[in-house]
N, C-alpha and C. Protein backbone atom coordinates (compact mmCIF):
# COMPACT_ATOMS: atom_id res chain seq x y z
N MET A 1 97.19 102.17 106.55
CA MET A 1 95.68 101.11 106.47
C MET A 1 96.28 100.01 106.46
N LYS A 2 95.39 98.93 106.85
CA LYS A 2 95.93 97.26 107.29
C LYS A 2 95.04 96.87 105.83
N CYS A 3 95.87 95.65 105.89
CA CYS A 3 94.85 94.89 104.20
C CYS A 3 93.72 93.86 105.14
N SER A 4 93.07 93.96 104.38
CA SER A 4 91.91 93.67 104.77
C SER A 4 91.72 92.03 104.87
N TYR A 5 92.76 91.15 103.91
CA TYR A 5 93.18 89.96 104.27
C TYR A 5 94.09 89.17 105.21
N CYS A 6 95.43 89.80 104.94
CA CYS A 6 96.12 89.58 106.05
C CYS A 6 96.97 90.38 106.34
N THR A 7 96.49 91.82 106.83
CA THR A 7 96.43 92.80 108.27
C THR A 7 97.90 93.24 107.75
N SER A 8 98.68 93.11 107.16
CA SER A 8 100.09 93.84 106.68
C SER A 8 99.65 95.35 106.45
N GLU A 9 100.43 96.29 106.56
CA GLU A 9 100.52 97.73 106.86
C GLU A 9 100.42 97.76 105.17
N VAL A 10 99.57 98.65 104.33
CA VAL A 10 99.65 98.87 103.19
C VAL A 10 100.15 100.48 103.05
N GLU A 11 101.02 100.89 102.52
CA GLU A 11 101.48 102.41 102.31
C GLU A 11 100.79 103.09 101.60
N SER A 12 100.37 104.37 101.67
CA SER A 12 99.71 105.12 101.17
C SER A 12 100.11 105.16 99.62
N GLY A 13 98.97 105.40 98.77
CA GLY A 13 99.56 105.52 97.22
C GLY A 13 99.49 103.78 96.71
N ARG A 14 99.79 102.52 97.42
CA ARG A 14 100.18 101.63 97.10
C ARG A 14 98.73 100.33 97.18
N GLY A 15 98.75 99.45 96.84
CA GLY A 15 97.48 98.20 97.06
C GLY A 15 96.44 98.64 96.39
N LEU A 16 95.58 97.71 96.38
CA LEU A 16 94.56 97.71 95.91
C LEU A 16 93.09 98.51 97.25
N GLU A 17 92.22 98.96 96.46
CA GLU A 17 91.19 99.58 97.34
C GLU A 17 89.83 98.95 96.26
N PHE A 18 88.91 98.21 97.17
CA PHE A 18 87.72 97.51 96.75
C PHE A 18 86.53 97.65 97.41
N VAL A 19 85.44 98.63 96.79
CA VAL A 19 84.47 98.63 97.50
C VAL A 19 83.14 98.18 97.18
N ARG A 20 82.81 97.35 97.79
CA ARG A 20 81.74 96.59 97.81
C ARG A 20 80.21 97.32 97.43
N LYS A 21 79.18 96.88 97.04
CA LYS A 21 77.98 97.34 96.63
C LYS A 21 77.40 97.94 97.73
N ASN A 22 77.58 97.14 98.92
CA ASN A 22 76.73 98.00 100.04
C ASN A 22 77.63 99.04 100.86
N GLY A 23 78.72 99.58 99.82
CA GLY A 23 79.80 100.73 100.50
C GLY A 23 80.70 100.36 101.26
N THR A 24 80.95 98.96 101.97
CA THR A 24 81.90 98.74 102.45
C THR A 24 82.90 99.01 101.82
N VAL A 25 84.44 99.36 102.42
CA VAL A 25 85.81 99.58 101.72
C VAL A 25 86.65 98.66 102.06
N ARG A 26 87.23 97.78 101.42
CA ARG A 26 88.51 96.67 101.86
C ARG A 26 89.58 97.26 101.04
N TYR A 27 90.91 96.96 101.82
CA TYR A 27 92.00 97.78 101.24
C TYR A 27 92.97 96.29 101.07
N TYR A 28 93.65 96.04 99.89
CA TYR A 28 94.62 94.98 99.73
C TYR A 28 95.97 95.55 99.45
N CYS A 29 96.87 94.60 100.22
CA CYS A 29 98.31 94.98 100.00
C CYS A 29 98.62 94.27 98.67
N SER A 30 98.17 93.47 97.83
CA SER A 30 98.51 92.72 96.92
C SER A 30 97.72 92.40 96.16
N THR A 31 97.87 92.03 94.73
CA THR A 31 96.81 91.38 94.02
C THR A 31 96.50 89.63 95.02
N ARG A 32 97.25 89.36 95.34
CA ARG A 32 97.44 87.76 95.98
C ARG A 32 96.30 87.82 96.80
N CYS A 33 96.04 88.65 97.73
CA CYS A 33 95.45 89.04 98.89
C CYS A 33 94.08 89.68 98.43
N TYR A 34 94.14 90.22 97.29
CA TYR A 34 92.76 90.61 96.89
C TYR A 34 92.04 89.24 96.04
N LYS A 35 93.14 88.17 95.34
CA LYS A 35 92.31 87.20 94.84
C LYS A 35 91.69 86.11 95.48
N LEU A 36 92.33 86.17 96.73
CA LEU A 36 92.31 84.97 97.32
C LEU A 36 90.97 85.14 98.41
N ASN A 37 90.86 86.72 98.71
CA ASN A 37 89.63 86.90 99.81
C ASN A 37 88.28 87.31 98.95
N VAL A 38 88.53 88.00 97.77
CA VAL A 38 87.20 88.41 96.65
C VAL A 38 86.83 87.12 95.63
N LYS A 39 87.86 86.95 94.86
CA LYS A 39 87.65 86.13 94.03
C LYS A 39 87.52 84.66 94.39
N LEU A 40 88.25 84.39 95.30
CA LEU A 40 88.24 82.55 95.74
C LEU A 40 87.21 82.41 97.07
N GLY A 41 86.77 83.42 97.64
CA GLY A 41 85.98 83.78 98.57
C GLY A 41 86.71 82.95 100.11
N ARG A 42 87.93 83.38 100.22
CA ARG A 42 88.81 82.14 101.00
C ARG A 42 88.95 83.20 102.24
N LYS A 43 88.66 83.21 103.42
CA LYS A 43 88.86 83.66 104.59
C LYS A 43 90.14 84.12 105.14
N PRO A 44 90.35 84.82 105.96
CA PRO A 44 91.95 85.34 106.15
C PRO A 44 92.36 83.98 107.63
N ASN A 45 93.60 83.20 107.46
CA ASN A 45 94.11 82.77 108.87
C ASN A 45 94.08 83.59 109.70
N LYS A 46 94.75 82.95 111.09
CA LYS A 46 94.98 83.64 112.19
C LYS A 46 96.02 84.09 111.68
N LYS A 47 96.52 85.70 112.33
CA LYS A 47 97.94 86.12 111.99
C LYS A 47 98.89 85.45 112.62
N GLU A 48 99.03 84.87 113.76
CA GLU A 48 100.07 84.29 114.04
C GLU A 48 100.64 83.20 113.12
N ILE A 49 99.61 82.52 112.60
CA ILE A 49 99.76 81.52 111.77
C ILE A 49 100.73 81.81 110.62
N ARG A 50 100.28 83.11 109.87
CA ARG A 50 100.65 83.66 108.77
C ARG A 50 101.90 84.22 108.85
N GLU A 51 102.44 84.69 109.86
CA GLU A 51 103.59 85.54 110.55
C GLU A 51 104.55 84.41 110.75
N SER A 52 104.16 83.33 111.23
CA SER A 52 105.32 82.37 111.41
C SER A 52 105.51 81.63 110.12
N THR A 53 104.84 81.23 109.09
CA THR A 53 105.35 80.61 107.65
C THR A 53 106.12 81.98 107.08
N ARG A 54 105.83 83.01 107.23
CA ARG A 54 106.68 84.12 106.55
C ARG A 54 108.03 84.35 107.02
N ALA A 55 108.24 83.80 108.42
CA ALA A 55 109.34 83.80 108.68
C ALA A 55 110.37 82.67 108.55
N SER A 56 109.64 81.56 108.59
CA SER A 56 110.67 80.31 107.97
C SER A 56 110.44 80.21 106.35
N SER A 57 109.60 80.91 105.62
CA SER A 57 110.00 80.92 104.32
C SER A 57 111.20 81.95 103.79
N SER A 58 111.13 82.85 104.61
CA SER A 58 112.26 83.93 104.33
C SER A 58 113.50 83.82 104.85
N HIS A 59 114.05 82.78 105.23
CA HIS A 59 115.19 82.05 105.98
C HIS A 59 115.86 81.03 104.62
N LYS A 60 114.95 80.30 103.71
CA LYS A 60 115.14 79.43 102.87
C LYS A 60 116.70 79.79 101.89
């Protein structure tokens, strides 16, 4: 499965599964992605931007 917000891979048995009233299922790798998308209503950014920020933050 892939995270509905950040598109990272979610291992089986991990993460969150959110079912909307209309029956659509969304998977989230962490509570951070869940809160940003569901509670705060933020839209996911482009994948390329997120990957570049992750790479730069891991080299600190």
